[in-house]
Amino acid sequence: MDIPHILDNGKDIAFYCARLEGKTTLTACEELCPRHSSCDTVAIANDELASYERSEKTGYGLEELIRKANCKNYAEFVIFLYDIGALACKESEMERIVEALDEIDSSECH
């Protein structure tokens, strides 16, 4: 799925529909498309909306931050963070942040 667009403060989501060959909303799809209940794309859109709702209630977790940074995994995210630190000439500060994130990453894995 391409990058979804959350609408109406998390009540709806816009996404690409292959059948329409364009963007639609989950609300419009549920109202107008007879295939919505068996569509994989709708299921993914529902998952994205649920993830958004969880993150709004609890704050973004590490997995959500990795996804929002378009990184494949935690290791790629750490490299990205070090690149930001180098760009800002704040490598030592970024190292402390990564150490804190390492603790979060290890606790989420167990």
PDB file of N, CA and C in Angstrom:
ATOM      1  N   MET A   1       0.857  -1.170   0.000  1.00  0.00           N
ATOM      2  CA  MET A   1       0.000   0.000   0.000  1.00  0.00           C
ATOM      3  C   MET A   1       0.900   1.229   0.000  1.00  0.00           C
ATOM      4  N   ASP A   2       0.520   2.207  -0.776  1.00  0.00           N
ATOM      5  CA  ASP A   2       1.255   3.464  -0.751  1.00  0.00           C
ATOM      6  C   ASP A   2       1.019   4.151   0.592  1.00  0.00           C
ATOM      7  N   ILE A   3       1.636   5.277   0.810  1.00  0.00           N
ATOM      8  CA  ILE A   3       1.478   5.971   2.082  1.00  0.00           C
ATOM      9  C   ILE A   3       0.024   6.382   2.243  1.00  0.00           C
ATOM     10  N   PRO A   4      -0.639   5.862   3.283  1.00  0.00           N
ATOM     11  CA  PRO A   4      -2.047   6.202   3.486  1.00  0.00           C
ATOM     12  C   PRO A   4      -2.192   7.615   4.039  1.00  0.00           C
ATOM     13  N   HIS A   5      -3.328   8.204   3.805  1.00  0.00           N
ATOM     14  CA  HIS A   5      -3.622   9.536   4.309  1.00  0.00           C
ATOM     15  C   HIS A   5      -4.799   9.415   5.275  1.00  0.00           C
ATOM     16  N   ILE A   6      -4.506   9.665   6.543  1.00  0.00           N
ATOM     17  CA  ILE A   6      -5.533   9.599   7.573  1.00  0.00           C
ATOM     18  C   ILE A   6      -6.392  10.854   7.471  1.00  0.00           C
ATOM     19  N   LEU A   7      -7.705  10.686   7.510  1.00  0.00           N
ATOM     20  CA  LEU A   7      -8.645  11.796   7.370  1.00  0.00           C
ATOM     21  C   LEU A   7      -9.561  11.886   8.586  1.00  0.00           C
ATOM     22  N   ASP A   8     -10.178  13.030   8.751  1.00  0.00           N
ATOM     23  CA  ASP A   8     -11.195  13.248   9.790  1.00  0.00           C
ATOM     24  C   ASP A   8     -10.733  12.802  11.177  1.00  0.00           C
ATOM     25  N   ASN A   9      -9.516  13.200  11.533  1.00  0.00           N
ATOM     26  CA  ASN A   9      -8.969  12.869  12.855  1.00  0.00           C
ATOM     27  C   ASN A   9      -9.015  11.372  13.157  1.00  0.00           C
ATOM     28  N   GLY A  10      -8.662  10.559  12.170  1.00  0.00           N
ATOM     29  CA  GLY A  10      -8.576   9.127  12.380  1.00  0.00           C
ATOM     30  C   GLY A  10      -9.850   8.353  12.140  1.00  0.00           C
ATOM     31  N   LYS A  11     -10.870   9.001  11.611  1.00  0.00           N
ATOM     32  CA  LYS A  11     -12.131   8.302  11.355  1.00  0.00           C
ATOM     33  C   LYS A  11     -12.179   7.661   9.978  1.00  0.00           C
ATOM     34  N   ASP A  12     -11.289   8.094   9.071  1.00  0.00           N
ATOM     35  CA  ASP A  12     -11.286   7.562   7.709  1.00  0.00           C
ATOM     36  C   ASP A  12      -9.859   7.578   7.179  1.00  0.00           C
ATOM     37  N   ILE A  13      -9.646   6.883   6.077  1.00  0.00           N
ATOM     38  CA  ILE A  13      -8.329   6.795   5.468  1.00  0.00           C
ATOM     39  C   ILE A  13      -8.488   6.784   3.946  1.00  0.00           C
ATOM     40  N   ALA A  14      -7.616   7.497   3.263  1.00  0.00           N
ATOM     41  CA  ALA A  14      -7.592   7.489   1.799  1.00  0.00           C
ATOM     42  C   ALA A  14      -6.469   6.540   1.369  1.00  0.00           C
ATOM     43  N   PHE A  15      -6.734   5.744   0.352  1.00  0.00           N
ATOM     44  CA  PHE A  15      -5.743   4.777  -0.124  1.00  0.00           C
ATOM     45  C   PHE A  15      -5.966   4.511  -1.607  1.00  0.00           C
ATOM     46  N   TYR A  16      -4.976   3.880  -2.248  1.00  0.00           N
ATOM     47  CA  TYR A  16      -5.066   3.563  -3.665  1.00  0.00           C
ATOM     48  C   TYR A  16      -5.856   2.270  -3.854  1.00  0.00           C
ATOM     49  N   CYS A  17      -6.827   2.319  -4.744  1.00  0.00           N
ATOM     50  CA  CYS A  17      -7.639   1.141  -5.077  1.00  0.00           C
ATOM     51  C   CYS A  17      -7.318   0.724  -6.503  1.00  0.00           C
ATOM     52  N   ALA A  18      -6.831  -0.487  -6.675  1.00  0.00           N
ATOM     53  CA  ALA A  18      -6.472  -0.974  -8.012  1.00  0.00           C
ATOM     54  C   ALA A  18      -7.700  -1.112  -8.911  1.00  0.00           C
ATOM     55  N   ARG A  19      -8.813  -1.479  -8.318  1.00  0.00           N
ATOM     56  CA  ARG A  19     -10.033  -1.641  -9.123  1.00  0.00           C
ATOM     57  C   ARG A  19     -10.475  -0.311  -9.730  1.00  0.00           C
ATOM     58  N   LEU A  20     -10.348   0.761  -8.936  1.00  0.00           N
ATOM     59  CA  LEU A  20     -10.702   2.094  -9.430  1.00  0.00           C
ATOM     60  C   LEU A  20      -9.569   2.742 -10.208  1.00  0.00           C
ATOM     61  N   GLU A  21      -8.358   2.196 -10.010  1.00  0.00           N
ATOM     62  CA  GLU A  21      -7.140   2.784 -10.564  1.00  0.00           C
ATOM     63  C   GLU A  21      -6.967   4.213 -10.068  1.00  0.00           C
ATOM     64  N   GLY A  22      -7.246   4.402  -8.781  1.00  0.00           N
ATOM     65  CA  GLY A  22      -7.105   5.712  -8.169  1.00  0.00           C
ATOM     66  C   GLY A  22      -7.344   5.640  -6.674  1.00  0.00           C
ATOM     67  N   LYS A  23      -7.340   6.801  -6.059  1.00  0.00           N
ATOM     68  CA  LYS A  23      -7.536   6.873  -4.611  1.00  0.00           C
ATOM     69  C   LYS A  23      -9.024   6.870  -4.265  1.00  0.00           C
ATOM     70  N   THR A  24      -9.305   6.311  -3.098  1.00  0.00           N
ATOM     71  CA  THR A  24     -10.650   6.326  -2.541  1.00  0.00           C
ATOM     72  C   THR A  24     -10.520   6.381  -1.032  1.00  0.00           C
ATOM     73  N   THR A  25     -11.629   6.487  -0.360  1.00  0.00           N
ATOM     74  CA  THR A  25     -11.613   6.436   1.102  1.00  0.00           C
ATOM     75  C   THR A  25     -12.244   5.129   1.546  1.00  0.00           C
ATOM     76  N   LEU A  26     -11.944   4.740   2.751  1.00  0.00           N
ATOM     77  CA  LEU A  26     -12.512   3.519   3.296  1.00  0.00           C
ATOM     78  C   LEU A  26     -14.031   3.640   3.404  1.00  0.00           C
ATOM     79  N   THR A  27     -14.508   4.809   3.813  1.00  0.00           N
ATOM     80  CA  THR A  27     -15.953   5.034   3.927  1.00  0.00           C
ATOM     81  C   THR A  27     -16.638   4.867   2.574  1.00  0.00           C
ATOM     82  N   ALA A  28     -16.088   5.486   1.526  1.00  0.00           N
ATOM     83  CA  ALA A  28     -16.683   5.380   0.190  1.00  0.00           C
ATOM     84  C   ALA A  28     -16.626   3.946  -0.305  1.00  0.00           C
ATOM     85  N   CYS A  29     -15.525   3.282  -0.044  1.00  0.00           N
ATOM     86  CA  CYS A  29     -15.377   1.897  -0.480  1.00  0.00           C
ATOM     87  C   CYS A  29     -16.428   1.007   0.180  1.00  0.00           C
ATOM     88  N   GLU A  30     -16.600   1.156   1.494  1.00  0.00           N
ATOM     89  CA  GLU A  30     -17.576   0.335   2.206  1.00  0.00           C
ATOM     90  C   GLU A  30     -18.998   0.604   1.727  1.00  0.00           C
ATOM     91  N   GLU A  31     -19.291   1.840   1.348  1.00  0.00           N
ATOM     92  CA  GLU A  31     -20.636   2.193   0.902  1.00  0.00           C
ATOM     93  C   GLU A  31     -20.912   1.799  -0.546  1.00  0.00           C
ATOM     94  N   LEU A  32     -19.885   1.853  -1.404  1.00  0.00           N
ATOM     95  CA  LEU A  32     -20.122   1.714  -2.838  1.00  0.00           C
ATOM     96  C   LEU A  32     -19.593   0.447  -3.493  1.00  0.00           C
ATOM     97  N   CYS A  33     -18.612  -0.190  -2.886  1.00  0.00           N
ATOM     98  CA  CYS A  33     -17.990  -1.338  -3.545  1.00  0.00           C
ATOM     99  C   CYS A  33     -18.538  -2.650  -2.991  1.00  0.00           C
ATOM    100  N   PRO A  34     -19.088  -3.489  -3.852  1.00  0.00           N
ATOM    101  CA  PRO A  34     -19.630  -4.765  -3.377  1.00  0.00           C
ATOM    102  C   PRO A  34     -18.538  -5.740  -2.916  1.00  0.00           C
ATOM    103  N   ARG A  35     -17.281  -5.488  -3.286  1.00  0.00           N
ATOM    104  CA  ARG A  35     -16.187  -6.392  -2.921  1.00  0.00           C
ATOM    105  C   ARG A  35     -15.469  -5.983  -1.639  1.00  0.00           C
ATOM    106  N   HIS A  36     -15.881  -4.901  -1.001  1.00  0.00           N
ATOM    107  CA  HIS A  36     -15.092  -4.375   0.111  1.00  0.00           C
ATOM    108  C   HIS A  36     -14.876  -5.379   1.238  1.00  0.00           C
ATOM    109  N   SER A  37     -15.826  -6.258   1.486  1.00  0.00           N
ATOM    110  CA  SER A  37     -15.694  -7.194   2.601  1.00  0.00           C
ATOM    111  C   SER A  37     -14.680  -8.309   2.331  1.00  0.00           C
ATOM    112  N   SER A  38     -14.294  -8.499   1.078  1.00  0.00           N
ATOM    113  CA  SER A  38     -13.310  -9.539   0.761  1.00  0.00           C
ATOM    114  C   SER A  38     -12.050  -8.971   0.101  1.00  0.00           C
ATOM    115  N   CYS A  39     -11.856  -7.664   0.191  1.00  0.00           N
ATOM    116  CA  CYS A  39     -10.741  -7.007  -0.484  1.00  0.00           C
ATOM    117  C   CYS A  39      -9.512  -6.920   0.431  1.00  0.00           C
ATOM    118  N   ASP A  40      -8.381  -7.397  -0.067  1.00  0.00           N
ATOM    119  CA  ASP A  40      -7.138  -7.337   0.705  1.00  0.00           C
ATOM    120  C   ASP A  40      -6.700  -5.898   0.959  1.00  0.00           C
ATOM    121  N   THR A  41      -6.899  -5.020  -0.004  1.00  0.00           N
ATOM    122  CA  THR A  41      -6.506  -3.625   0.151  1.00  0.00           C
ATOM    123  C   THR A  41      -7.316  -2.954   1.253  1.00  0.00           C
ATOM    124  N   VAL A  42      -8.587  -3.265   1.341  1.00  0.00           N
ATOM    125  CA  VAL A  42      -9.435  -2.732   2.408  1.00  0.00           C
ATOM    126  C   VAL A  42      -8.950  -3.251   3.757  1.00  0.00           C
ATOM    127  N   ALA A  43      -8.558  -4.508   3.808  1.00  0.00           N
ATOM    128  CA  ALA A  43      -8.041  -5.072   5.057  1.00  0.00           C
ATOM    129  C   ALA A  43      -6.777  -4.333   5.498  1.00  0.00           C
ATOM    130  N   ILE A  44      -5.893  -4.042   4.558  1.00  0.00           N
ATOM    131  CA  ILE A  44      -4.667  -3.301   4.869  1.00  0.00           C
ATOM    132  C   ILE A  44      -5.016  -1.888   5.326  1.00  0.00           C
ATOM    133  N   ALA A  45      -5.955  -1.245   4.659  1.00  0.00           N
ATOM    134  CA  ALA A  45      -6.384   0.107   5.046  1.00  0.00           C
ATOM    135  C   ALA A  45      -6.965   0.091   6.459  1.00  0.00           C
ATOM    136  N   ASN A  46      -7.761  -0.918   6.779  1.00  0.00           N
ATOM    137  CA  ASN A  46      -8.308  -1.049   8.134  1.00  0.00           C
ATOM    138  C   ASN A  46      -7.196  -1.228   9.162  1.00  0.00           C
ATOM    139  N   ASP A  47      -6.173  -2.020   8.815  1.00  0.00           N
ATOM    140  CA  ASP A  47      -5.037  -2.211   9.710  1.00  0.00           C
ATOM    141  C   ASP A  47      -4.289  -0.902   9.938  1.00  0.00           C
ATOM    142  N   GLU A  48      -4.102  -0.129   8.862  1.00  0.00           N
ATOM    143  CA  GLU A  48      -3.419   1.172   8.978  1.00  0.00           C
ATOM    144  C   GLU A  48      -4.217   2.117   9.881  1.00  0.00           C
ATOM    145  N   LEU A  49      -5.516   2.122   9.698  1.00  0.00           N
ATOM    146  CA  LEU A  49      -6.378   2.980  10.514  1.00  0.00           C
ATOM    147  C   LEU A  49      -6.329   2.552  11.987  1.00  0.00           C
ATOM    148  N   ALA A  50      -6.338   1.255  12.240  1.00  0.00           N
ATOM    149  CA  ALA A  50      -6.243   0.747  13.611  1.00  0.00           C
ATOM    150  C   ALA A  50      -4.888   1.106  14.223  1.00  0.00           C
ATOM    151  N   SER A  51      -3.828   1.018  13.431  1.00  0.00           N
ATOM    152  CA  SER A  51      -2.494   1.391  13.909  1.00  0.00           C
ATOM    153  C   SER A  51      -2.443   2.869  14.264  1.00  0.00           C
ATOM    154  N   TYR A  52      -3.063   3.687  13.430  1.00  0.00           N
ATOM    155  CA  TYR A  52      -3.128   5.126  13.705  1.00  0.00           C
ATOM    156  C   TYR A  52      -3.881   5.383  15.008  1.00  0.00           C
ATOM    157  N   GLU A  53      -5.002   4.711  15.184  1.00  0.00           N
ATOM    158  CA  GLU A  53      -5.801   4.900  16.395  1.00  0.00           C
ATOM    159  C   GLU A  53      -5.016   4.490  17.640  1.00  0.00           C
ATOM    160  N   ARG A  54      -4.292   3.373  17.559  1.00  0.00           N
ATOM    161  CA  ARG A  54      -3.465   2.938  18.690  1.00  0.00           C
ATOM    162  C   ARG A  54      -2.390   3.967  19.000  1.00  0.00           C
ATOM    163  N   SER A  55      -1.737   4.467  17.958  1.00  0.00           N
ATOM    164  CA  SER A  55      -0.650   5.421  18.185  1.00  0.00           C
ATOM    165  C   SER A  55      -1.173   6.740  18.732  1.00  0.00           C
ATOM    166  N   GLU A  56      -2.390   7.119  18.354  1.00  0.00           N
ATOM    167  CA  GLU A  56      -2.978   8.341  18.888  1.00  0.00           C
ATOM    168  C   GLU A  56      -3.293   8.195  20.371  1.00  0.00           C
ATOM    169  N   LYS A  57      -3.673   6.993  20.783  1.00  0.00           N
ATOM    170  CA  LYS A  57      -4.015   6.760  22.185  1.00  0.00           C
ATOM    171  C   LYS A  57      -2.771   6.600  23.049  1.00  0.00           C
ATOM    172  N   THR A  58      -1.742   5.958  22.510  1.00  0.00           N
ATOM    173  CA  THR A  58      -0.579   5.606  23.319  1.00  0.00           C
ATOM    174  C   THR A  58       0.669   6.388  22.956  1.00  0.00           C
ATOM    175  N   GLY A  59       0.636   7.169  21.910  1.00  0.00           N
ATOM    176  CA  GLY A  59       1.864   7.792  21.415  1.00  0.00           C
ATOM    177  C   GLY A  59       2.547   6.813  20.480  1.00  0.00           C
ATOM    178  N   TYR A  60       3.389   7.322  19.625  1.00  0.00           N
ATOM    179  CA  TYR A  60       4.047   6.442  18.666  1.00  0.00           C
ATOM    180  C   TYR A  60       5.048   5.542  19.355  1.00  0.00           C
ATOM    181  N   GLY A  61       4.968   4.274  19.048  1.00  0.00           N
ATOM    182  CA  GLY A  61       5.947   3.317  19.529  1.00  0.00           C
ATOM    183  C   GLY A  61       7.115   3.261  18.552  1.00  0.00           C
ATOM    184  N   LEU A  62       8.099   2.486  18.899  1.00  0.00           N
ATOM    185  CA  LEU A  62       9.301   2.374  18.074  1.00  0.00           C
ATOM    186  C   LEU A  62       8.977   1.848  16.676  1.00  0.00           C
ATOM    187  N   GLU A  63       8.118   0.846  16.591  1.00  0.00           N
ATOM    188  CA  GLU A  63       7.767   0.298  15.272  1.00  0.00           C
ATOM    189  C   GLU A  63       7.132   1.350  14.376  1.00  0.00           C
ATOM    190  N   GLU A  64       6.257   2.170  14.938  1.00  0.00           N
ATOM    191  CA  GLU A  64       5.611   3.213  14.148  1.00  0.00           C
ATOM    192  C   GLU A  64       6.622   4.247  13.668  1.00  0.00           C
ATOM    193  N   LEU A  65       7.595   4.587  14.532  1.00  0.00           N
ATOM    194  CA  LEU A  65       8.624   5.544  14.123  1.00  0.00           C
ATOM    195  C   LEU A  65       9.489   4.982  13.002  1.00  0.00           C
ATOM    196  N   ILE A  66       9.838   3.711  13.101  1.00  0.00           N
ATOM    197  CA  ILE A  66      10.629   3.066  12.046  1.00  0.00           C
ATOM    198  C   ILE A  66       9.868   3.099  10.735  1.00  0.00           C
ATOM    199  N   ARG A  67       8.590   2.794  10.789  1.00  0.00           N
ATOM    200  CA  ARG A  67       7.760   2.796   9.575  1.00  0.00           C
ATOM    201  C   ARG A  67       7.629   4.208   9.018  1.00  0.00           C
ATOM    202  N   LYS A  68       7.398   5.199   9.888  1.00  0.00           N
ATOM    203  CA  LYS A  68       7.240   6.581   9.430  1.00  0.00           C
ATOM    204  C   LYS A  68       8.521   7.125   8.805  1.00  0.00           C
ATOM    205  N   ALA A  69       9.669   6.598   9.236  1.00  0.00           N
ATOM    206  CA  ALA A  69      10.952   7.015   8.658  1.00  0.00           C
ATOM    207  C   ALA A  69      11.261   6.250   7.372  1.00  0.00           C
ATOM    208  N   ASN A  70      10.334   5.387   6.957  1.00  0.00           N
ATOM    209  CA  ASN A  70      10.495   4.563   5.751  1.00  0.00           C
ATOM    210  C   ASN A  70      11.721   3.661   5.828  1.00  0.00           C
ATOM    211  N   CYS A  71      12.021   3.168   7.028  1.00  0.00           N
ATOM    212  CA  CYS A  71      13.125   2.239   7.222  1.00  0.00           C
ATOM    213  C   CYS A  71      12.566   0.817   7.269  1.00  0.00           C
ATOM    214  N   LYS A  72      13.370  -0.139   6.817  1.00  0.00           N
ATOM    215  CA  LYS A  72      12.921  -1.522   6.758  1.00  0.00           C
ATOM    216  C   LYS A  72      12.937  -2.204   8.120  1.00  0.00           C
ATOM    217  N   ASN A  73      13.875  -1.781   8.975  1.00  0.00           N
ATOM    218  CA  ASN A  73      14.013  -2.434  10.270  1.00  0.00           C
ATOM    219  C   ASN A  73      14.731  -1.499  11.231  1.00  0.00           C
ATOM    220  N   TYR A  74      14.941  -1.986  12.460  1.00  0.00           N
ATOM    221  CA  TYR A  74      15.567  -1.161  13.481  1.00  0.00           C
ATOM    222  C   TYR A  74      17.005  -0.776  13.112  1.00  0.00           C
ATOM    223  N   ALA A  75      17.759  -1.719  12.543  1.00  0.00           N
ATOM    224  CA  ALA A  75      19.154  -1.437  12.172  1.00  0.00           C
ATOM    225  C   ALA A  75      19.233  -0.297  11.160  1.00  0.00           C
ATOM    226  N   GLU A  76      18.370  -0.317  10.165  1.00  0.00           N
ATOM    227  CA  GLU A  76      18.350   0.753   9.168  1.00  0.00           C
ATOM    228  C   GLU A  76      17.938   2.081   9.808  1.00  0.00           C
ATOM    229  N   PHE A  77      17.024   2.022  10.771  1.00  0.00           N
ATOM    230  CA  PHE A  77      16.580   3.216  11.487  1.00  0.00           C
ATOM    231  C   PHE A  77      17.731   3.833  12.279  1.00  0.00           C
ATOM    232  N   VAL A  78      18.540   2.982  12.932  1.00  0.00           N
ATOM    233  CA  VAL A  78      19.686   3.472  13.706  1.00  0.00           C
ATOM    234  C   VAL A  78      20.685   4.166  12.785  1.00  0.00           C
ATOM    235  N   ILE A  79      20.959   3.589  11.638  1.00  0.00           N
ATOM    236  CA  ILE A  79      21.863   4.224  10.669  1.00  0.00           C
ATOM    237  C   ILE A  79      21.309   5.586  10.261  1.00  0.00           C
ATOM    238  N   PHE A  80      20.007   5.633  10.023  1.00  0.00           N
ATOM    239  CA  PHE A  80      19.339   6.891   9.669  1.00  0.00           C
ATOM    240  C   PHE A  80      19.532   7.935  10.774  1.00  0.00           C
ATOM    241  N   LEU A  81      19.362   7.513  12.025  1.00  0.00           N
ATOM    242  CA  LEU A  81      19.531   8.427  13.147  1.00  0.00           C
ATOM    243  C   LEU A  81      20.978   8.931  13.245  1.00  0.00           C
ATOM    244  N   TYR A  82      21.943   8.047  13.048  1.00  0.00           N
ATOM    245  CA  TYR A  82      23.337   8.476  13.086  1.00  0.00           C
ATOM    246  C   TYR A  82      23.646   9.451  11.951  1.00  0.00           C
ATOM    247  N   ASP A  83      23.033   9.233  10.798  1.00  0.00           N
ATOM    248  CA  ASP A  83      23.205  10.178   9.685  1.00  0.00           C
ATOM    249  C   ASP A  83      22.662  11.557  10.058  1.00  0.00           C
ATOM    250  N   ILE A  84      21.519  11.581  10.735  1.00  0.00           N
ATOM    251  CA  ILE A  84      20.950  12.859  11.195  1.00  0.00           C
ATOM    252  C   ILE A  84      21.901  13.514  12.199  1.00  0.00           C
ATOM    253  N   GLY A  85      22.420  12.727  13.135  1.00  0.00           N
ATOM    254  CA  GLY A  85      23.360  13.251  14.120  1.00  0.00           C
ATOM    255  C   GLY A  85      24.601  13.831  13.469  1.00  0.00           C
ATOM    256  N   ALA A  86      25.128  13.140  12.459  1.00  0.00           N
ATOM    257  CA  ALA A  86      26.317  13.638  11.754  1.00  0.00           C
ATOM    258  C   ALA A  86      26.006  14.933  11.010  1.00  0.00           C
ATOM    259  N   LEU A  87      24.855  14.987  10.381  1.00  0.00           N
ATOM    260  CA  LEU A  87      24.455  16.188   9.652  1.00  0.00           C
ATOM    261  C   LEU A  87      24.337  17.391  10.586  1.00  0.00           C
ATOM    262  N   ALA A  88      23.827  17.156  11.779  1.00  0.00           N
ATOM    263  CA  ALA A  88      23.643  18.239  12.754  1.00  0.00           C
ATOM    264  C   ALA A  88      24.878  18.456  13.632  1.00  0.00           C
ATOM    265  N   CYS A  89      25.953  17.689  13.379  1.00  0.00           N
ATOM    266  CA  CYS A  89      27.177  17.739  14.200  1.00  0.00           C
ATOM    267  C   CYS A  89      26.857  17.457  15.671  1.00  0.00           C
ATOM    268  N   LYS A  90      25.969  16.485  15.890  1.00  0.00           N
ATOM    269  CA  LYS A  90      25.548  16.110  17.248  1.00  0.00           C
ATOM    270  C   LYS A  90      25.662  14.589  17.425  1.00  0.00           C
ATOM    271  N   GLU A  91      26.773  14.002  16.943  1.00  0.00           N
ATOM    272  CA  GLU A  91      26.920  12.549  16.993  1.00  0.00           C
ATOM    273  C   GLU A  91      26.824  11.993  18.407  1.00  0.00           C
ATOM    274  N   SER A  92      27.446  12.654  19.368  1.00  0.00           N
ATOM    275  CA  SER A  92      27.434  12.130  20.737  1.00  0.00           C
ATOM    276  C   SER A  92      26.029  12.159  21.332  1.00  0.00           C
ATOM    277  N   GLU A  93      25.270  13.198  21.026  1.00  0.00           N
ATOM    278  CA  GLU A  93      23.896  13.252  21.514  1.00  0.00           C
ATOM    279  C   GLU A  93      23.048  12.161  20.876  1.00  0.00           C
ATOM    280  N   MET A  94      23.267  11.918  19.583  1.00  0.00           N
ATOM    281  CA  MET A  94      22.511  10.871  18.899  1.00  0.00           C
ATOM    282  C   MET A  94      22.878   9.501  19.457  1.00  0.00           C
ATOM    283  N   GLU A  95      24.134   9.325  19.853  1.00  0.00           N
ATOM    284  CA  GLU A  95      24.552   8.056  20.431  1.00  0.00           C
ATOM    285  C   GLU A  95      23.776   7.764  21.718  1.00  0.00           C
ATOM    286  N   ARG A  96      23.565   8.779  22.547  1.00  0.00           N
ATOM    287  CA  ARG A  96      22.769   8.591  23.773  1.00  0.00           C
ATOM    288  C   ARG A  96      21.323   8.224  23.433  1.00  0.00           C
ATOM    289  N   ILE A  97      20.781   8.840  22.400  1.00  0.00           N
ATOM    290  CA  ILE A  97      19.407   8.525  21.976  1.00  0.00           C
ATOM    291  C   ILE A  97      19.319   7.090  21.496  1.00  0.00           C
ATOM    292  N   VAL A  98      20.292   6.674  20.687  1.00  0.00           N
ATOM    293  CA  VAL A  98      20.294   5.300  20.170  1.00  0.00           C
ATOM    294  C   VAL A  98      20.435   4.298  21.310  1.00  0.00           C
ATOM    295  N   GLU A  99      21.251   4.604  22.306  1.00  0.00           N
ATOM    296  CA  GLU A  99      21.377   3.709  23.460  1.00  0.00           C
ATOM    297  C   GLU A  99      20.035   3.548  24.173  1.00  0.00           C
ATOM    298  N   ALA A 100      19.303   4.642  24.336  1.00  0.00           N
ATOM    299  CA  ALA A 100      17.977   4.566  24.955  1.00  0.00           C
ATOM    300  C   ALA A 100      17.014   3.759  24.092  1.00  0.00           C
ATOM    301  N   LEU A 101      17.091   3.952  22.774  1.00  0.00           N
ATOM    302  CA  LEU A 101      16.227   3.187  21.869  1.00  0.00           C
ATOM    303  C   LEU A 101      16.586   1.706  21.868  1.00  0.00           C
ATOM    304  N   ASP A 102      17.879   1.387  22.039  1.00  0.00           N
ATOM    305  CA  ASP A 102      18.288  -0.017  22.126  1.00  0.00           C
ATOM    306  C   ASP A 102      17.578  -0.714  23.288  1.00  0.00           C
ATOM    307  N   GLU A 103      17.452  -0.010  24.404  1.00  0.00           N
ATOM    308  CA  GLU A 103      16.743  -0.580  25.554  1.00  0.00           C
ATOM    309  C   GLU A 103      15.273  -0.827  25.218  1.00  0.00           C
ATOM    310  N   ILE A 104      14.651   0.121  24.518  1.00  0.00           N
ATOM    311  CA  ILE A 104      13.247  -0.038  24.119  1.00  0.00           C
ATOM    312  C   ILE A 104      13.123  -1.195  23.146  1.00  0.00           C
ATOM    313  N   ASP A 105      14.039  -1.258  22.152  1.00  0.00           N
ATOM    314  CA  ASP A 105      13.997  -2.314  21.150  1.00  0.00           C
ATOM    315  C   ASP A 105      14.133  -3.675  21.797  1.00  0.00           C
ATOM    316  N   SER A 106      15.047  -3.832  22.740  1.00  0.00           N
ATOM    317  CA  SER A 106      15.229  -5.131  23.375  1.00  0.00           C
ATOM    318  C   SER A 106      14.038  -5.495  24.261  1.00  0.00           C
ATOM    319  N   SER A 107      13.389  -4.508  24.864  1.00  0.00           N
ATOM    320  CA  SER A 107      12.217  -4.809  25.685  1.00  0.00           C
ATOM    321  C   SER A 107      10.991  -5.128  24.847  1.00  0.00           C
ATOM    322  N   GLU A 108      10.877  -4.554  23.640  1.00  0.00           N
ATOM    323  CA  GLU A 108       9.736  -4.863  22.765  1.00  0.00           C
ATOM    324  C   GLU A 108       9.876  -6.234  22.136  1.00  0.00           C
ATOM    325  N   CYS A 109      11.086  -6.727  22.018  1.00  0.00           N
ATOM    326  CA  CYS A 109      11.314  -8.030  21.397  1.00  0.00           C
ATOM    327  C   CYS A 109      11.037  -9.171  22.352  1.00  0.00           C
ATOM    328  N   HIS A 110      10.999  -8.889  23.648  1.00  0.00           N
ATOM    329  CA  HIS A 110      10.813  -9.967  24.637  1.00  0.00           C
ATOM    330  C   HIS A 110       9.449  -9.953  25.243  1.00  0.00           C
TER     331      HIS A 110
END
